[in-house]
Every structure is written in structure tokens, then in C-alpha cells.
Amino acid sequence: MPDYNGVLTNEDRQKIDVWLKDNWHAGKCPVCNQQNWVLADHVITPMLYTGVGITQGAGYPQIMVICQHCGYTLYFNAVIVGVLQGVQNAKS
């Protein structure tokens, strides 16, 4: 589980590495045609847009894999990858 600042631990990076090797057959970047990927250091959660602006609410924690040449970024759900445990709905 990421530390207090959202930084991935070495254990997290190992889990992600195994998951990516099993599930993502990294190829060339669709933008620059390079094959130079790097894992970002943090788990991030994109903000929600509701039609009236950005708002707080449900979030989907992600890990980022970034092309080091052009910056093209892929997002993978951190719960599915196994870095975070799913949170059950508070209403259930």
C-alpha cells in the first residue's frame, strides 16, 4: 500500500511489475513509436467533472505508466492491479 504521501513502496512496485507482465504486453507508444515506459511514483485519483465543474466525490485510484520520450500516459486501476483494496459503499 502506498505511503502517507501516496508514494508507491518497493512492494507495490513489485506487485505492479508482476501484474503488468501478466496483463499488459507493452509495445511501442502509440504517439511516438518508442518503447521506453516508466512507472510513476504515486497513486493518483483523477478529479470528477459533473457538467457544472470539477467536484469532490467518488474517485478511482490509478497507477500511471508513462512514455519517457513523449509523455503519453496510460492509467491502470490501482484496485484491479492489487496495490489498493477496494472500498465498499458506505450505504451498503
PDB file of N, CA and C in Angstrom:
ATOM      1  N   MET A   1       0.853  -1.177   0.000  1.00  0.00           N
ATOM      2  CA  MET A   1       0.000   0.000   0.000  1.00  0.00           C
ATOM      3  C   MET A   1       0.897   1.239   0.000  1.00  0.00           C
ATOM      4  N   PRO A   2       0.559   2.232  -0.800  1.00  0.00           N
ATOM      5  CA  PRO A   2       1.370   3.449  -0.866  1.00  0.00           C
ATOM      6  C   PRO A   2       1.524   4.091   0.516  1.00  0.00           C
ATOM      7  N   ASP A   3       2.598   4.874   0.674  1.00  0.00           N
ATOM      8  CA  ASP A   3       2.830   5.533   1.957  1.00  0.00           C
ATOM      9  C   ASP A   3       1.881   6.708   2.149  1.00  0.00           C
ATOM     10  N   TYR A   4       2.080   7.451   3.227  1.00  0.00           N
ATOM     11  CA  TYR A   4       1.198   8.570   3.607  1.00  0.00           C
ATOM     12  C   TYR A   4       1.078   9.624   2.513  1.00  0.00           C
ATOM     13  N   ASN A   5       2.109   9.774   1.694  1.00  0.00           N
ATOM     14  CA  ASN A   5       2.098  10.762   0.610  1.00  0.00           C
ATOM     15  C   ASN A   5       1.668  10.182  -0.732  1.00  0.00           C
ATOM     16  N   GLY A   6       1.218   8.921  -0.731  1.00  0.00           N
ATOM     17  CA  GLY A   6       0.772   8.291  -1.968  1.00  0.00           C
ATOM     18  C   GLY A   6       1.889   7.710  -2.802  1.00  0.00           C
ATOM     19  N   VAL A   7       3.101   7.674  -2.260  1.00  0.00           N
ATOM     20  CA  VAL A   7       4.243   7.143  -2.994  1.00  0.00           C
ATOM     21  C   VAL A   7       4.225   5.615  -2.937  1.00  0.00           C
ATOM     22  N   LEU A   8       4.420   4.994  -4.077  1.00  0.00           N
ATOM     23  CA  LEU A   8       4.451   3.543  -4.149  1.00  0.00           C
ATOM     24  C   LEU A   8       5.657   2.990  -3.401  1.00  0.00           C
ATOM     25  N   THR A   9       5.445   1.927  -2.638  1.00  0.00           N
ATOM     26  CA  THR A   9       6.548   1.261  -1.948  1.00  0.00           C
ATOM     27  C   THR A   9       7.228   0.300  -2.915  1.00  0.00           C
ATOM     28  N   ASN A  10       8.376  -0.236  -2.513  1.00  0.00           N
ATOM     29  CA  ASN A  10       9.046  -1.238  -3.340  1.00  0.00           C
ATOM     30  C   ASN A  10       8.155  -2.457  -3.531  1.00  0.00           C
ATOM     31  N   GLU A  11       7.410  -2.844  -2.479  1.00  0.00           N
ATOM     32  CA  GLU A  11       6.484  -3.972  -2.579  1.00  0.00           C
ATOM     33  C   GLU A  11       5.379  -3.676  -3.600  1.00  0.00           C
ATOM     34  N   ASP A  12       4.853  -2.446  -3.574  1.00  0.00           N
ATOM     35  CA  ASP A  12       3.837  -2.041  -4.553  1.00  0.00           C
ATOM     36  C   ASP A  12       4.395  -2.156  -5.969  1.00  0.00           C
ATOM     37  N   ARG A  13       5.604  -1.667  -6.162  1.00  0.00           N
ATOM     38  CA  ARG A  13       6.223  -1.694  -7.484  1.00  0.00           C
ATOM     39  C   ARG A  13       6.409  -3.122  -7.980  1.00  0.00           C
ATOM     40  N   GLN A  14       6.743  -4.033  -7.069  1.00  0.00           N
ATOM     41  CA  GLN A  14       6.887  -5.439  -7.449  1.00  0.00           C
ATOM     42  C   GLN A  14       5.532  -6.025  -7.852  1.00  0.00           C
ATOM     43  N   LYS A  15       4.472  -5.718  -7.085  1.00  0.00           N
ATOM     44  CA  LYS A  15       3.120  -6.193  -7.432  1.00  0.00           C
ATOM     45  C   LYS A  15       2.713  -5.670  -8.807  1.00  0.00           C
ATOM     46  N   ILE A  16       2.959  -4.390  -9.034  1.00  0.00           N
ATOM     47  CA  ILE A  16       2.595  -3.769 -10.308  1.00  0.00           C
ATOM     48  C   ILE A  16       3.380  -4.404 -11.444  1.00  0.00           C
ATOM     49  N   ASP A  17       4.663  -4.615 -11.230  1.00  0.00           N
ATOM     50  CA  ASP A  17       5.513  -5.223 -12.253  1.00  0.00           C
ATOM     51  C   ASP A  17       4.980  -6.601 -12.645  1.00  0.00           C
ATOM     52  N   VAL A  18       4.629  -7.418 -11.660  1.00  0.00           N
ATOM     53  CA  VAL A  18       4.075  -8.753 -11.935  1.00  0.00           C
ATOM     54  C   VAL A  18       2.759  -8.627 -12.687  1.00  0.00           C
ATOM     55  N   TRP A  19       1.878  -7.724 -12.227  1.00  0.00           N
ATOM     56  CA  TRP A  19       0.566  -7.560 -12.869  1.00  0.00           C
ATOM     57  C   TRP A  19       0.738  -7.109 -14.319  1.00  0.00           C
ATOM     58  N   LEU A  20       1.616  -6.131 -14.540  1.00  0.00           N
ATOM     59  CA  LEU A  20       1.827  -5.638 -15.903  1.00  0.00           C
ATOM     60  C   LEU A  20       2.387  -6.737 -16.808  1.00  0.00           C
ATOM     61  N   LYS A  21       3.337  -7.522 -16.309  1.00  0.00           N
ATOM     62  CA  LYS A  21       3.897  -8.603 -17.114  1.00  0.00           C
ATOM     63  C   LYS A  21       2.842  -9.647 -17.469  1.00  0.00           C
ATOM     64  N   ASP A  22       1.889  -9.886 -16.559  1.00  0.00           N
ATOM     65  CA  ASP A  22       0.831 -10.866 -16.799  1.00  0.00           C
ATOM     66  C   ASP A  22      -0.305 -10.326 -17.674  1.00  0.00           C
ATOM     67  N   ASN A  23      -0.536  -9.013 -17.644  1.00  0.00           N
ATOM     68  CA  ASN A  23      -1.743  -8.460 -18.256  1.00  0.00           C
ATOM     69  C   ASN A  23      -1.524  -7.458 -19.378  1.00  0.00           C
ATOM     70  N   TRP A  24      -0.377  -6.818 -19.425  1.00  0.00           N
ATOM     71  CA  TRP A  24      -0.139  -5.783 -20.422  1.00  0.00           C
ATOM     72  C   TRP A  24       1.102  -6.147 -21.213  1.00  0.00           C
ATOM     73  N   HIS A  25       0.927  -6.308 -22.474  1.00  0.00           N
ATOM     74  CA  HIS A  25       2.048  -6.644 -23.342  1.00  0.00           C
ATOM     75  C   HIS A  25       2.550  -5.340 -23.954  1.00  0.00           C
ATOM     76  N   ALA A  26       3.353  -4.660 -23.139  1.00  0.00           N
ATOM     77  CA  ALA A  26       3.818  -3.326 -23.509  1.00  0.00           C
ATOM     78  C   ALA A  26       4.482  -3.340 -24.869  1.00  0.00           C
ATOM     79  N   GLY A  27       3.999  -2.494 -25.685  1.00  0.00           N
ATOM     80  CA  GLY A  27       4.568  -2.346 -27.004  1.00  0.00           C
ATOM     81  C   GLY A  27       5.066  -0.934 -27.179  1.00  0.00           C
ATOM     82  N   LYS A  28       5.105  -0.531 -28.396  1.00  0.00           N
ATOM     83  CA  LYS A  28       5.558   0.811 -28.702  1.00  0.00           C
ATOM     84  C   LYS A  28       4.474   1.822 -28.357  1.00  0.00           C
ATOM     85  N   CYS A  29       4.901   2.988 -27.992  1.00  0.00           N
ATOM     86  CA  CYS A  29       3.982   4.078 -27.676  1.00  0.00           C
ATOM     87  C   CYS A  29       3.176   4.426 -28.931  1.00  0.00           C
ATOM     88  N   PRO A  30       1.855   4.588 -28.808  1.00  0.00           N
ATOM     89  CA  PRO A  30       1.038   4.918 -29.981  1.00  0.00           C
ATOM     90  C   PRO A  30       1.269   6.338 -30.498  1.00  0.00           C
ATOM     91  N   VAL A  31       1.946   7.172 -29.727  1.00  0.00           N
ATOM     92  CA  VAL A  31       2.189   8.549 -30.153  1.00  0.00           C
ATOM     93  C   VAL A  31       3.540   8.699 -30.846  1.00  0.00           C
ATOM     94  N   CYS A  32       4.618   8.240 -30.184  1.00  0.00           N
ATOM     95  CA  CYS A  32       5.961   8.494 -30.711  1.00  0.00           C
ATOM     96  C   CYS A  32       6.664   7.249 -31.241  1.00  0.00           C
ATOM     97  N   ASN A  33       6.027   6.085 -31.087  1.00  0.00           N
ATOM     98  CA  ASN A  33       6.554   4.825 -31.599  1.00  0.00           C
ATOM     99  C   ASN A  33       7.819   4.343 -30.871  1.00  0.00           C
ATOM    100  N   GLN A  34       8.076   4.887 -29.685  1.00  0.00           N
ATOM    101  CA  GLN A  34       9.200   4.452 -28.861  1.00  0.00           C
ATOM    102  C   GLN A  34       8.714   3.369 -27.897  1.00  0.00           C
ATOM    103  N   GLN A  35       9.618   2.658 -27.291  1.00  0.00           N
ATOM    104  CA  GLN A  35       9.258   1.643 -26.306  1.00  0.00           C
ATOM    105  C   GLN A  35      10.111   1.870 -25.061  1.00  0.00           C
ATOM    106  N   ASN A  36       9.783   2.939 -24.347  1.00  0.00           N
ATOM    107  CA  ASN A  36      10.565   3.347 -23.198  1.00  0.00           C
ATOM    108  C   ASN A  36       9.612   3.791 -22.091  1.00  0.00           C
ATOM    109  N   TRP A  37       9.007   2.829 -21.402  1.00  0.00           N
ATOM    110  CA  TRP A  37       7.976   3.087 -20.401  1.00  0.00           C
ATOM    111  C   TRP A  37       8.561   3.163 -18.997  1.00  0.00           C
ATOM    112  N   VAL A  38       7.967   3.995 -18.150  1.00  0.00           N
ATOM    113  CA  VAL A  38       8.368   4.123 -16.756  1.00  0.00           C
ATOM    114  C   VAL A  38       7.105   4.196 -15.890  1.00  0.00           C
ATOM    115  N   LEU A  39       7.191   3.629 -14.694  1.00  0.00           N
ATOM    116  CA  LEU A  39       6.095   3.664 -13.732  1.00  0.00           C
ATOM    117  C   LEU A  39       6.221   4.929 -12.901  1.00  0.00           C
ATOM    118  N   ALA A  40       5.131   5.709 -12.790  1.00  0.00           N
ATOM    119  CA  ALA A  40       5.138   6.914 -11.961  1.00  0.00           C
ATOM    120  C   ALA A  40       5.265   6.533 -10.489  1.00  0.00           C
ATOM    121  N   ASP A  41       5.709   7.461  -9.675  1.00  0.00           N
ATOM    122  CA  ASP A  41       5.969   7.197  -8.264  1.00  0.00           C
ATOM    123  C   ASP A  41       4.729   7.184  -7.374  1.00  0.00           C
ATOM    124  N   HIS A  42       3.629   7.795  -7.814  1.00  0.00           N
ATOM    125  CA  HIS A  42       2.459   7.986  -6.955  1.00  0.00           C
ATOM    126  C   HIS A  42       1.214   7.281  -7.483  1.00  0.00           C
ATOM    127  N   VAL A  43       0.312   6.949  -6.572  1.00  0.00           N
ATOM    128  CA  VAL A  43      -1.055   6.581  -6.933  1.00  0.00           C
ATOM    129  C   VAL A  43      -1.794   7.905  -7.056  1.00  0.00           C
ATOM    130  N   ILE A  44      -2.554   8.078  -8.113  1.00  0.00           N
ATOM    131  CA  ILE A  44      -3.297   9.329  -8.312  1.00  0.00           C
ATOM    132  C   ILE A  44      -4.777   9.025  -8.463  1.00  0.00           C
ATOM    133  N   THR A  45      -5.591  10.037  -8.249  1.00  0.00           N
ATOM    134  CA  THR A  45      -7.028   9.911  -8.465  1.00  0.00           C
ATOM    135  C   THR A  45      -7.479  11.097  -9.294  1.00  0.00           C
ATOM    136  N   PRO A  46      -7.914  10.856 -10.534  1.00  0.00           N
ATOM    137  CA  PRO A  46      -8.410  11.963 -11.353  1.00  0.00           C
ATOM    138  C   PRO A  46      -9.631  12.615 -10.708  1.00  0.00           C
ATOM    139  N   MET A  47      -9.791  13.899 -10.927  1.00  0.00           N
ATOM    140  CA  MET A  47     -10.954  14.616 -10.403  1.00  0.00           C
ATOM    141  C   MET A  47     -12.173  14.323 -11.264  1.00  0.00           C
ATOM    142  N   LEU A  48     -13.338  14.482 -10.667  1.00  0.00           N
ATOM    143  CA  LEU A  48     -14.586  14.251 -11.388  1.00  0.00           C
ATOM    144  C   LEU A  48     -15.103  15.543 -11.999  1.00  0.00           C
ATOM    145  N   TYR A  49     -15.647  15.435 -13.187  1.00  0.00           N
ATOM    146  CA  TYR A  49     -16.306  16.567 -13.822  1.00  0.00           C
ATOM    147  C   TYR A  49     -17.781  16.238 -13.916  1.00  0.00           C
ATOM    148  N   THR A  50     -18.643  17.098 -13.384  1.00  0.00           N
ATOM    149  CA  THR A  50     -20.077  16.794 -13.291  1.00  0.00           C
ATOM    150  C   THR A  50     -20.940  17.524 -14.303  1.00  0.00           C
ATOM    151  N   GLY A  51     -20.362  18.296 -15.170  1.00  0.00           N
ATOM    152  CA  GLY A  51     -21.157  19.093 -16.107  1.00  0.00           C
ATOM    153  C   GLY A  51     -21.274  20.528 -15.649  1.00  0.00           C
ATOM    154  N   VAL A  52     -21.060  20.756 -14.360  1.00  0.00           N
ATOM    155  CA  VAL A  52     -21.061  22.118 -13.832  1.00  0.00           C
ATOM    156  C   VAL A  52     -19.690  22.490 -13.285  1.00  0.00           C
ATOM    157  N   GLY A  53     -18.755  21.587 -13.422  1.00  0.00           N
ATOM    158  CA  GLY A  53     -17.391  21.859 -12.982  1.00  0.00           C
ATOM    159  C   GLY A  53     -16.788  20.653 -12.281  1.00  0.00           C
ATOM    160  N   ILE A  54     -15.573  20.845 -11.850  1.00  0.00           N
ATOM    161  CA  ILE A  54     -14.879  19.787 -11.126  1.00  0.00           C
ATOM    162  C   ILE A  54     -15.416  19.740  -9.711  1.00  0.00           C
ATOM    163  N   THR A  55     -15.611  18.544  -9.206  1.00  0.00           N
ATOM    164  CA  THR A  55     -16.207  18.387  -7.891  1.00  0.00           C
ATOM    165  C   THR A  55     -15.521  17.271  -7.118  1.00  0.00           C
ATOM    166  N   GLN A  56     -15.735  17.258  -5.812  1.00  0.00           N
ATOM    167  CA  GLN A  56     -15.269  16.152  -4.994  1.00  0.00           C
ATOM    168  C   GLN A  56     -16.311  15.060  -5.060  1.00  0.00           C
ATOM    169  N   GLY A  57     -15.893  13.854  -4.801  1.00  0.00           N
ATOM    170  CA  GLY A  57     -16.825  12.738  -4.829  1.00  0.00           C
ATOM    171  C   GLY A  57     -16.068  11.446  -5.016  1.00  0.00           C
ATOM    172  N   ALA A  58     -16.735  10.483  -5.583  1.00  0.00           N
ATOM    173  CA  ALA A  58     -16.108   9.181  -5.815  1.00  0.00           C
ATOM    174  C   ALA A  58     -14.853   9.355  -6.658  1.00  0.00           C
ATOM    175  N   GLY A  59     -13.863   8.536  -6.364  1.00  0.00           N
ATOM    176  CA  GLY A  59     -12.629   8.595  -7.127  1.00  0.00           C
ATOM    177  C   GLY A  59     -12.190   7.203  -7.522  1.00  0.00           C
ATOM    178  N   TYR A  60     -11.326   7.132  -8.476  1.00  0.00           N
ATOM    179  CA  TYR A  60     -10.822   5.875  -8.980  1.00  0.00           C
ATOM    180  C   TYR A  60      -9.301   5.925  -8.956  1.00  0.00           C
ATOM    181  N   PRO A  61      -8.672   5.382  -7.914  1.00  0.00           N
ATOM    182  CA  PRO A  61      -7.221   5.464  -7.808  1.00  0.00           C
ATOM    183  C   PRO A  61      -6.536   4.729  -8.952  1.00  0.00           C
ATOM    184  N   GLN A  62      -5.506   5.361  -9.487  1.00  0.00           N
ATOM    185  CA  GLN A  62      -4.824   4.860 -10.672  1.00  0.00           C
ATOM    186  C   GLN A  62      -3.315   4.821 -10.466  1.00  0.00           C
ATOM    187  N   ILE A  63      -2.675   3.902 -11.176  1.00  0.00           N
ATOM    188  CA  ILE A  63      -1.232   3.967 -11.337  1.00  0.00           C
ATOM    189  C   ILE A  63      -0.991   4.423 -12.770  1.00  0.00           C
ATOM    190  N   MET A  64       0.137   5.097 -12.976  1.00  0.00           N
ATOM    191  CA  MET A  64       0.435   5.640 -14.291  1.00  0.00           C
ATOM    192  C   MET A  64       1.685   4.995 -14.860  1.00  0.00           C
ATOM    193  N   VAL A  65       1.611   4.633 -16.132  1.00  0.00           N
ATOM    194  CA  VAL A  65       2.771   4.172 -16.880  1.00  0.00           C
ATOM    195  C   VAL A  65       2.979   5.215 -17.974  1.00  0.00           C
ATOM    196  N   ILE A  66       4.184   5.777 -18.016  1.00  0.00           N
ATOM    197  CA  ILE A  66       4.446   6.946 -18.846  1.00  0.00           C
ATOM    198  C   ILE A  66       5.546   6.657 -19.864  1.00  0.00           C
ATOM    199  N   CYS A  67       5.321   7.104 -21.096  1.00  0.00           N
ATOM    200  CA  CYS A  67       6.370   7.030 -22.119  1.00  0.00           C
ATOM    201  C   CYS A  67       7.419   8.094 -21.779  1.00  0.00           C
ATOM    202  N   GLN A  68       8.647   7.672 -21.590  1.00  0.00           N
ATOM    203  CA  GLN A  68       9.698   8.614 -21.225  1.00  0.00           C
ATOM    204  C   GLN A  68      10.103   9.526 -22.374  1.00  0.00           C
ATOM    205  N   HIS A  69       9.719   9.181 -23.589  1.00  0.00           N
ATOM    206  CA  HIS A  69      10.098  10.006 -24.741  1.00  0.00           C
ATOM    207  C   HIS A  69       9.128  11.176 -24.937  1.00  0.00           C
ATOM    208  N   CYS A  70       7.810  10.880 -24.972  1.00  0.00           N
ATOM    209  CA  CYS A  70       6.835  11.932 -25.308  1.00  0.00           C
ATOM    210  C   CYS A  70       5.862  12.270 -24.173  1.00  0.00           C
ATOM    211  N   GLY A  71       5.820  11.446 -23.122  1.00  0.00           N
ATOM    212  CA  GLY A  71       4.935  11.733 -22.003  1.00  0.00           C
ATOM    213  C   GLY A  71       3.556  11.111 -22.096  1.00  0.00           C
ATOM    214  N   TYR A  72       3.271  10.401 -23.173  1.00  0.00           N
ATOM    215  CA  TYR A  72       1.980   9.710 -23.277  1.00  0.00           C
ATOM    216  C   TYR A  72       1.802   8.857 -22.025  1.00  0.00           C
ATOM    217  N   THR A  73       0.603   8.898 -21.421  1.00  0.00           N
ATOM    218  CA  THR A  73       0.387   8.239 -20.139  1.00  0.00           C
ATOM    219  C   THR A  73      -0.784   7.269 -20.213  1.00  0.00           C
ATOM    220  N   LEU A  74      -0.548   6.076 -19.674  1.00  0.00           N
ATOM    221  CA  LEU A  74      -1.582   5.062 -19.529  1.00  0.00           C
ATOM    222  C   LEU A  74      -1.947   4.975 -18.050  1.00  0.00           C
ATOM    223  N   TYR A  75      -3.225   4.769 -17.761  1.00  0.00           N
ATOM    224  CA  TYR A  75      -3.698   4.638 -16.388  1.00  0.00           C
ATOM    225  C   TYR A  75      -4.248   3.238 -16.174  1.00  0.00           C
ATOM    226  N   PHE A  76      -3.894   2.631 -15.040  1.00  0.00           N
ATOM    227  CA  PHE A  76      -4.422   1.330 -14.649  1.00  0.00           C
ATOM    228  C   PHE A  76      -5.028   1.466 -13.269  1.00  0.00           C
ATOM    229  N   ASN A  77      -6.210   0.878 -13.077  1.00  0.00           N
ATOM    230  CA  ASN A  77      -6.921   0.958 -11.809  1.00  0.00           C
ATOM    231  C   ASN A  77      -6.100   0.276 -10.713  1.00  0.00           C
ATOM    232  N   ALA A  78      -5.783   1.015  -9.642  1.00  0.00           N
ATOM    233  CA  ALA A  78      -4.913   0.513  -8.575  1.00  0.00           C
ATOM    234  C   ALA A  78      -5.544  -0.628  -7.784  1.00  0.00           C
ATOM    235  N   VAL A  79      -6.875  -0.682  -7.712  1.00  0.00           N
ATOM    236  CA  VAL A  79      -7.546  -1.789  -7.015  1.00  0.00           C
ATOM    237  C   VAL A  79      -7.418  -3.060  -7.846  1.00  0.00           C
ATOM    238  N   ILE A  80      -7.679  -2.967  -9.142  1.00  0.00           N
ATOM    239  CA  ILE A  80      -7.590  -4.135 -10.017  1.00  0.00           C
ATOM    240  C   ILE A  80      -6.155  -4.658 -10.079  1.00  0.00           C
ATOM    241  N   VAL A  81      -5.194  -3.742 -10.114  1.00  0.00           N
ATOM    242  CA  VAL A  81      -3.788  -4.140 -10.166  1.00  0.00           C
ATOM    243  C   VAL A  81      -3.360  -4.804  -8.851  1.00  0.00           C
ATOM    244  N   GLY A  82      -4.039  -4.476  -7.742  1.00  0.00           N
ATOM    245  CA  GLY A  82      -3.743  -5.108  -6.458  1.00  0.00           C
ATOM    246  C   GLY A  82      -2.925  -4.265  -5.496  1.00  0.00           C
ATOM    247  N   VAL A  83      -2.764  -2.985  -5.809  1.00  0.00           N
ATOM    248  CA  VAL A  83      -1.993  -2.085  -4.947  1.00  0.00           C
ATOM    249  C   VAL A  83      -2.868  -1.586  -3.789  1.00  0.00           C
ATOM    250  N   LEU A  84      -4.159  -1.403  -4.043  1.00  0.00           N
ATOM    251  CA  LEU A  84      -5.089  -0.955  -3.009  1.00  0.00           C
ATOM    252  C   LEU A  84      -6.244  -1.950  -2.901  1.00  0.00           C
ATOM    253  N   GLN A  85      -6.823  -2.010  -1.718  1.00  0.00           N
ATOM    254  CA  GLN A  85      -8.015  -2.835  -1.544  1.00  0.00           C
ATOM    255  C   GLN A  85      -9.228  -1.996  -1.883  1.00  0.00           C
ATOM    256  N   GLY A  86     -10.263  -2.640  -2.435  1.00  0.00           N
ATOM    257  CA  GLY A  86     -11.488  -1.940  -2.776  1.00  0.00           C
ATOM    258  C   GLY A  86     -12.187  -1.442  -1.528  1.00  0.00           C
ATOM    259  N   VAL A  87     -12.855  -0.340  -1.636  1.00  0.00           N
ATOM    260  CA  VAL A  87     -13.615   0.236  -0.534  1.00  0.00           C
ATOM    261  C   VAL A  87     -15.082  -0.019  -0.798  1.00  0.00           C
ATOM    262  N   GLN A  88     -15.769  -0.583   0.174  1.00  0.00           N
ATOM    263  CA  GLN A  88     -17.187  -0.865  -0.008  1.00  0.00           C
ATOM    264  C   GLN A  88     -17.990   0.415   0.151  1.00  0.00           C
ATOM    265  N   ASN A  89     -19.106   0.452  -0.541  1.00  0.00           N
ATOM    266  CA  ASN A  89     -20.001   1.597  -0.482  1.00  0.00           C
ATOM    267  C   ASN A  89     -20.491   1.783   0.948  1.00  0.00           C
ATOM    268  N   ALA A  90     -20.394   3.007   1.455  1.00  0.00           N
ATOM    269  CA  ALA A  90     -20.790   3.297   2.835  1.00  0.00           C
ATOM    270  C   ALA A  90     -22.278   3.075   3.075  1.00  0.00           C
ATOM    271  N   LYS A  91     -23.096   3.089   2.019  1.00  0.00           N
ATOM    272  CA  LYS A  91     -24.535   2.917   2.170  1.00  0.00           C
ATOM    273  C   LYS A  91     -24.942   1.454   2.274  1.00  0.00           C
ATOM    274  N   SER A  92     -24.045   0.523   1.947  1.00  0.00           N
ATOM    275  CA  SER A  92     -24.434  -0.883   1.958  1.00  0.00           C
ATOM    276  C   SER A  92     -24.308  -1.501   3.329  1.00  0.00           C
TER     277      SER A  92
END
